[in-house]
Amino acid sequence: MRVGVTGASGMLGTALIDELANKHEVFATSRSKGLEKDGVQWECFDLTNSKHLNKWLDNTTPDVVIHCAALVDVDRCEKNVSYATKLHVDTTKAVVNYLDCNNKKLIYISTDSVFDGKKDRSYVESDKVNPLNIYAKTKLLGEKSVLLMKGGLVLRTNIIGWSRSGNISFAEWILDGLFESKPLALFSDVIFSPLNVSDLSKIIIQAIDSEITGLYHCTSKDYLSKYDFGIKIAKIFNFSIDNIKSISVDNVNFEANRPKNIALNSKKLSLILKYDFPVSADAIKLMKAQYDNGWLSKIKRVKSEKI
């Protein structure tokens, strides 16, 4: 297949290229070039440039596009509503229009933040959405256009893993603090369902092969607080937990409002794909195994061979 990947230099985009290039012809785009492999053709441009985006689609004629591109800095989205709207809504509509007219498929990577966080259990796909910030609101608008097309698939997720670009992931930030013995203040009242990016890339490829459409949650099958997540990382990577402290998100003055419960229930997707989703500890153990096996030797390491 001919597979287009937007946001291809990001953590998920890179993991997808790694998997897809072994089987498909990959057309990758981002602001800057990421992982280079045989079978991958890069074109770097600003996705919000509609003329360039449409030209890229015309030239590459993809059978499916995996739309990973997003401005994931939630506070930055509050300050730049126009850009967040262009990237999450307008570019998505442009890709939808092209693919739908050509009877092709789109996989849209969405967020777990589309809910207000007031539920006391994990969210299912039928739960009412109520986004609290610009990032989530614009990502939700992107979802709506995808779900109107014939071949549209929306995956709401939350990923952790090893990044291969300049920005480090949440888990890497914790590991950096653990190694440097920096104070780590983690939210005990924000719960989530982290999935390893390597697992997500495999699930996406399975979803392409199964030709499913519609809306699905795609996260670990359990949930925990960000504080407990930090404790699990420390224990799995054999660090002391002495520098980790518990705080409330209410005590931090963020630009954007954040929901306290972003845990998602992935049973619907698990059943349709016949895939046993991992638990959050498995996502961390996979990071540790990848590190121990030298998987990062050509990418980057977390400062020390002691991990």
Protein backbone atom coordinates (compact mmCIF):
# COMPACT_ATOMS: atom_id res chain seq x y z
CA MET A 1 0.00 0.00 0.00
CA ARG A 2 0.91 3.64 -0.35
CA VAL A 3 0.74 5.11 3.16
CA GLY A 4 0.98 8.81 4.01
CA VAL A 5 2.07 9.84 7.49
CA THR A 6 1.70 13.41 8.76
CA GLY A 7 3.64 14.60 11.79
CA ALA A 8 6.08 11.89 10.78
CA SER A 9 9.07 13.17 12.75
CA GLY A 10 7.18 12.93 16.05
CA MET A 11 7.24 10.01 18.46
CA LEU A 12 4.29 8.15 16.91
CA GLY A 13 5.17 9.09 13.34
CA THR A 14 8.67 7.71 13.77
CA ALA A 15 7.41 4.47 15.31
CA LEU A 16 4.99 4.07 12.41
CA ILE A 17 7.69 4.61 9.81
CA ASP A 18 9.78 1.94 11.53
CA GLU A 19 6.92 -0.56 11.21
CA LEU A 20 5.40 0.47 7.88
CA ALA A 21 8.59 0.71 5.83
CA ASN A 22 9.08 -3.04 6.07
CA LYS A 23 5.83 -3.73 4.24
CA HIS A 24 4.51 -0.61 2.51
CA GLU A 25 5.61 2.43 0.51
CA VAL A 26 5.66 5.34 2.97
CA PHE A 27 5.24 9.04 2.22
CA ALA A 28 6.26 11.03 5.27
CA THR A 29 5.73 14.70 5.95
CA SER A 30 6.56 17.02 8.81
CA ARG A 31 8.18 20.40 9.33
CA SER A 32 11.57 18.69 9.58
CA LYS A 33 12.86 15.33 8.38
CA GLY A 34 12.81 12.42 10.81
CA LEU A 35 13.74 8.75 10.51
CA GLU A 36 15.11 7.82 7.09
CA LYS A 37 14.67 4.28 5.83
CA ASP A 38 14.45 2.49 2.50
CA GLY A 39 10.95 2.82 1.11
CA VAL A 40 10.30 6.15 2.85
CA GLN A 41 9.96 9.37 0.84
CA TRP A 42 10.14 12.60 2.83
CA GLU A 43 8.68 16.00 2.00
CA CYS A 44 8.95 18.73 4.63
CA PHE A 45 6.48 21.62 4.72
CA ASP A 46 3.96 23.41 6.94
CA LEU A 47 0.83 21.28 6.86
CA THR A 48 -1.37 24.36 7.31
CA ASN A 49 -0.28 25.50 3.84
CA SER A 50 -3.33 24.13 2.01
CA LYS A 51 -1.82 24.44 -1.48
CA HIS A 52 1.26 22.47 -0.47
CA LEU A 53 -0.84 19.90 1.37
CA ASN A 54 -3.11 19.30 -1.62
CA LYS A 55 -0.08 19.09 -3.93
CA TRP A 56 1.50 16.50 -1.62
CA LEU A 57 -1.69 14.44 -1.66
CA ASP A 58 -1.96 14.68 -5.46
CA ASN A 59 1.67 13.66 -5.94
CA THR A 60 1.72 10.79 -3.46
CA THR A 61 -1.81 9.40 -4.12
CA PRO A 62 -1.92 7.52 -0.80
CA ASP A 63 -4.24 4.59 -0.17
CA VAL A 64 -4.39 5.60 3.47
CA VAL A 65 -3.15 8.57 5.49
CA ILE A 66 -2.28 8.32 9.17
CA HIS A 67 -2.83 11.84 10.45
CA CYS A 68 -0.54 12.23 13.50
CA ALA A 69 0.26 15.93 13.15
CA ALA A 70 -0.82 17.99 16.15
CA LEU A 71 0.22 20.85 18.39
CA VAL A 72 0.35 18.81 21.61
CA ASP A 73 1.49 21.72 23.80
CA VAL A 74 -1.88 22.34 25.45
CA ASP A 75 -0.99 25.75 26.88
CA ARG A 76 0.45 26.90 23.57
CA CYS A 77 -2.85 26.05 21.88
CA GLU A 78 -4.62 28.43 24.28
CA LYS A 79 -2.30 31.23 23.15
CA ASN A 80 -2.53 30.41 19.44
CA VAL A 81 -6.13 29.41 18.75
CA SER A 82 -5.83 30.24 15.06
CA TYR A 83 -2.92 27.91 14.44
CA ALA A 84 -4.42 25.10 16.54
CA THR A 85 -7.63 25.40 14.51
CA LYS A 86 -5.79 25.38 11.18
CA LEU A 87 -3.71 22.35 12.11
CA HIS A 88 -6.32 20.21 13.86
CA VAL A 89 -9.46 21.20 11.95
CA ASP A 90 -8.65 22.73 8.57
CA THR A 91 -5.84 20.36 7.55
CA THR A 92 -7.96 17.40 8.63
CA LYS A 93 -10.87 18.59 6.48
CA ALA A 94 -8.52 18.96 3.50
CA VAL A 95 -7.19 15.42 3.92
CA VAL A 96 -10.74 14.09 4.44
CA ASN A 97 -11.98 15.78 1.25
CA TYR A 98 -9.16 14.34 -0.86
CA LEU A 99 -9.35 10.81 0.50
CA ASP A 100 -13.15 10.60 0.53
CA CYS A 101 -13.38 11.76 -3.08
CA ASN A 102 -10.89 9.06 -4.06
CA ASN A 103 -12.45 6.33 -1.89
CA LYS A 104 -9.34 6.08 0.29
CA LYS A 105 -8.88 5.80 4.06
CA LEU A 106 -7.85 8.10 6.89
CA ILE A 107 -6.70 7.23 10.40
CA TYR A 108 -6.92 10.26 12.66
CA ILE A 109 -4.96 10.21 15.90
CA SER A 110 -7.04 12.00 18.51
CA THR A 111 -6.75 12.63 22.23
CA ASP A 112 -8.07 11.32 25.54
CA SER A 113 -8.73 14.94 26.60
CA VAL A 114 -12.09 15.36 24.87
CA PHE A 115 -13.96 14.66 28.14
CA ASP A 116 -14.35 16.95 31.15
CA GLY A 117 -12.89 14.38 33.54
CA LYS A 118 -15.84 14.27 35.94
CA LYS A 119 -16.64 10.58 35.46
CA ASP A 120 -15.44 8.21 38.20
CA ARG A 121 -14.54 5.41 35.77
CA SER A 122 -12.78 5.14 32.42
CA TYR A 123 -14.58 6.68 29.44
CA VAL A 124 -16.17 4.66 26.65
CA GLU A 125 -16.80 5.89 23.12
CA SER A 126 -20.49 6.62 23.76
CA ASP A 127 -19.82 8.95 26.71
CA LYS A 128 -20.65 12.61 26.21
CA VAL A 129 -17.69 14.75 25.24
CA ASN A 130 -17.03 18.10 26.88
CA PRO A 131 -13.51 19.39 26.11
CA LEU A 132 -12.08 21.94 28.54
CA ASN A 133 -9.34 23.53 26.41
CA ILE A 134 -8.55 24.67 22.88
CA TYR A 135 -6.35 21.65 22.13
CA ALA A 136 -9.12 19.19 22.94
CA LYS A 137 -11.84 21.31 21.31
CA THR A 138 -9.98 21.56 18.00
CA LYS A 139 -8.99 17.89 18.04
CA LEU A 140 -12.65 17.00 18.58
CA LEU A 141 -13.68 19.15 15.60
CA GLY A 142 -11.12 17.23 13.55
CA GLU A 143 -12.73 13.97 14.67
CA LYS A 144 -16.13 15.06 13.41
CA SER A 145 -15.01 15.57 9.81
CA VAL A 146 -13.23 12.18 9.80
CA LEU A 147 -16.31 10.37 11.08
CA LEU A 148 -18.38 11.81 8.22
CA MET A 149 -16.24 10.11 5.55
CA LYS A 150 -16.64 6.52 4.33
CA GLY A 151 -13.17 5.33 5.27
CA GLY A 152 -12.53 7.36 8.41
CA LEU A 153 -11.09 5.88 11.59
CA VAL A 154 -10.57 7.91 14.79
CA LEU A 155 -8.31 6.58 17.53
CA ARG A 156 -8.28 8.40 20.87
CA THR A 157 -5.09 7.61 22.72
CA ASN A 158 -2.35 8.63 25.15
CA ILE A 159 1.18 7.46 24.38
CA ILE A 160 4.49 7.09 26.16
CA GLY A 161 7.82 5.87 24.85
CA TRP A 162 11.20 6.88 23.54
CA SER A 163 11.11 9.98 21.36
CA ARG A 164 13.47 10.33 18.42
CA SER A 165 13.13 14.05 17.89
CA GLY A 166 14.05 17.07 19.96
CA ASN A 167 11.09 16.92 22.34
CA ILE A 168 11.21 14.36 25.14
CA SER A 169 8.12 12.42 26.21
CA PHE A 170 6.48 12.51 29.63
CA ALA A 171 8.10 9.20 30.60
CA GLU A 172 11.53 10.42 29.46
CA TRP A 173 11.08 13.60 31.50
CA ILE A 174 10.42 11.47 34.58
CA LEU A 175 13.45 9.28 33.83
CA ASP A 176 15.64 12.33 33.40
CA GLY A 177 14.50 13.63 36.79
CA LEU A 178 15.08 10.26 38.43
CA PHE A 179 18.60 9.95 37.07
CA GLU A 180 19.53 13.51 38.02
CA SER A 181 17.76 13.18 41.41
CA LYS A 182 15.72 16.26 40.58
CA PRO A 183 12.50 16.94 42.53
CA LEU A 184 9.58 15.45 40.61
CA ALA A 185 6.11 16.76 41.45
CA LEU A 186 3.48 14.49 39.88
CA PHE A 187 -0.30 14.77 39.96
CA SER A 188 -2.06 12.32 42.25
CA ASP A 189 -5.48 13.52 41.07
CA VAL A 190 -5.00 13.13 37.29
CA ILE A 191 -5.55 9.60 35.99
CA PHE A 192 -4.75 8.29 32.52
CA SER A 193 -4.25 5.09 30.49
CA PRO A 194 -0.79 5.26 28.87
CA LEU A 195 0.03 3.02 25.90
CA ASN A 196 3.53 2.45 24.56
CA VAL A 197 3.99 4.10 21.18
CA SER A 198 5.45 0.88 19.75
CA ASP A 199 2.26 -0.98 20.69
CA LEU A 200 0.11 1.76 19.20
CA SER A 201 1.98 1.63 15.88
CA LYS A 202 1.36 -2.14 15.66
CA ILE A 203 -2.33 -1.65 16.51
CA ILE A 204 -2.65 1.01 13.79
CA ILE A 205 -1.18 -1.35 11.21
CA GLN A 206 -3.57 -4.08 12.37
CA ALA A 207 -6.43 -1.57 12.02
CA ILE A 208 -5.36 -0.79 8.45
CA ASP A 209 -5.33 -4.48 7.57
CA SER A 210 -8.73 -5.05 9.19
CA GLU A 211 -10.26 -2.06 7.37
CA ILE A 212 -12.27 -0.94 10.40
CA THR A 213 -13.84 2.52 10.48
CA GLY A 214 -15.48 4.67 13.13
CA LEU A 215 -14.47 5.83 16.61
CA TYR A 216 -12.38 3.80 19.04
CA HIS A 217 -10.44 4.30 22.23
CA CYS A 218 -6.91 2.92 22.07
CA THR A 219 -5.04 2.94 25.39
CA SER A 220 -3.82 0.55 28.07
CA LYS A 221 -6.55 -1.55 29.66
CA ASP A 222 -6.00 -0.09 33.12
CA TYR A 223 -5.52 3.42 34.49
CA LEU A 224 -3.51 5.11 37.21
CA SER A 225 -2.55 8.55 38.48
CA LYS A 226 0.45 10.35 37.05
CA TYR A 227 2.02 10.10 40.50
CA ASP A 228 1.59 6.32 40.59
CA PHE A 229 2.91 6.17 37.03
CA GLY A 230 6.10 7.91 38.17
CA ILE A 231 6.47 5.45 41.04
CA LYS A 232 6.08 2.52 38.61
CA ILE A 233 8.74 3.95 36.29
CA ALA A 234 11.17 4.37 39.19
CA LYS A 235 10.66 0.81 40.37
CA ILE A 236 10.86 -0.80 36.91
CA PHE A 237 14.04 1.18 36.06
CA ASN A 238 15.48 0.55 39.55
CA PHE A 239 15.57 4.13 40.80
CA SER A 240 14.83 5.51 44.23
CA ILE A 241 11.40 7.11 44.64
CA ASP A 242 12.63 9.57 47.29
CA ASN A 243 12.57 12.59 44.96
CA ILE A 244 8.98 11.97 43.76
CA LYS A 245 6.25 13.89 45.54
CA SER A 246 2.50 13.98 45.11
CA ILE A 247 0.73 17.24 44.23
CA SER A 248 -2.70 18.32 42.97
CA VAL A 249 -3.25 19.74 39.50
CA ASP A 250 -5.42 22.37 41.23
CA ASN A 251 -2.27 23.90 42.71
CA VAL A 252 -0.66 24.61 39.33
CA ASN A 253 -1.55 27.73 37.39
CA PHE A 254 -1.75 26.41 33.84
CA GLU A 255 -2.85 28.49 30.86
CA ALA A 256 -5.30 25.77 29.82
CA ASN A 257 -7.86 23.90 31.92
CA ARG A 258 -7.12 20.19 32.23
CA PRO A 259 -9.50 17.31 33.02
CA LYS A 260 -8.59 15.16 36.01
CA ASN A 261 -9.83 11.91 34.50
CA ILE A 262 -8.56 11.10 31.00
CA ALA A 263 -8.72 7.32 31.42
CA LEU A 264 -10.19 5.54 28.39
CA ASN A 265 -11.78 2.12 28.02
CA SER A 266 -10.46 0.23 24.98
CA LYS A 267 -12.67 -2.89 25.18
CA LYS A 268 -14.53 -2.02 21.97
CA LEU A 269 -11.34 -1.99 19.88
CA SER A 270 -9.91 -4.97 21.75
CA LEU A 271 -12.92 -7.06 20.78
CA ILE A 272 -13.04 -6.05 17.12
CA LEU A 273 -9.29 -6.57 16.58
CA LYS A 274 -9.13 -9.60 18.91
CA TYR A 275 -6.18 -7.87 20.55
CA ASP A 276 -5.34 -8.11 24.23
CA PHE A 277 -4.34 -4.57 25.20
CA PRO A 278 -1.42 -4.27 27.62
CA VAL A 279 -1.62 -2.70 31.08
CA SER A 280 0.29 0.51 31.87
CA ALA A 281 3.12 -1.36 33.60
CA ASP A 282 3.68 -3.29 30.35
CA ALA A 283 4.17 0.02 28.52
CA ILE A 284 6.96 0.94 30.95
CA LYS A 285 8.50 -2.54 30.85
CA LEU A 286 8.64 -2.32 27.06
CA MET A 287 10.57 0.96 27.36
CA LYS A 288 13.00 -0.74 29.74
CA ALA A 289 13.41 -3.76 27.45
CA GLN A 290 14.03 -1.51 24.45
CA TYR A 291 16.70 0.33 26.38
CA ASP A 292 18.35 -2.84 27.65
CA ASN A 293 18.39 -4.34 24.15
CA GLY A 294 20.22 -1.34 22.69
CA TRP A 295 17.16 -0.24 20.71
CA LEU A 296 18.13 3.37 21.35
CA SER A 297 21.76 3.09 20.26
CA LYS A 298 21.06 4.85 16.98
CA ILE A 299 18.65 7.36 18.48
CA LYS A 300 19.55 8.71 21.90
CA ARG A 301 19.86 7.52 25.46
CA VAL A 302 18.79 8.95 28.79
CA LYS A 303 22.23 10.32 29.63
CA SER A 304 23.67 7.25 31.31
CA GLU A 305 24.39 3.58 30.86
CA LYS A 306 23.31 3.09 34.50
CA ILE A 307 19.61 2.92 33.65
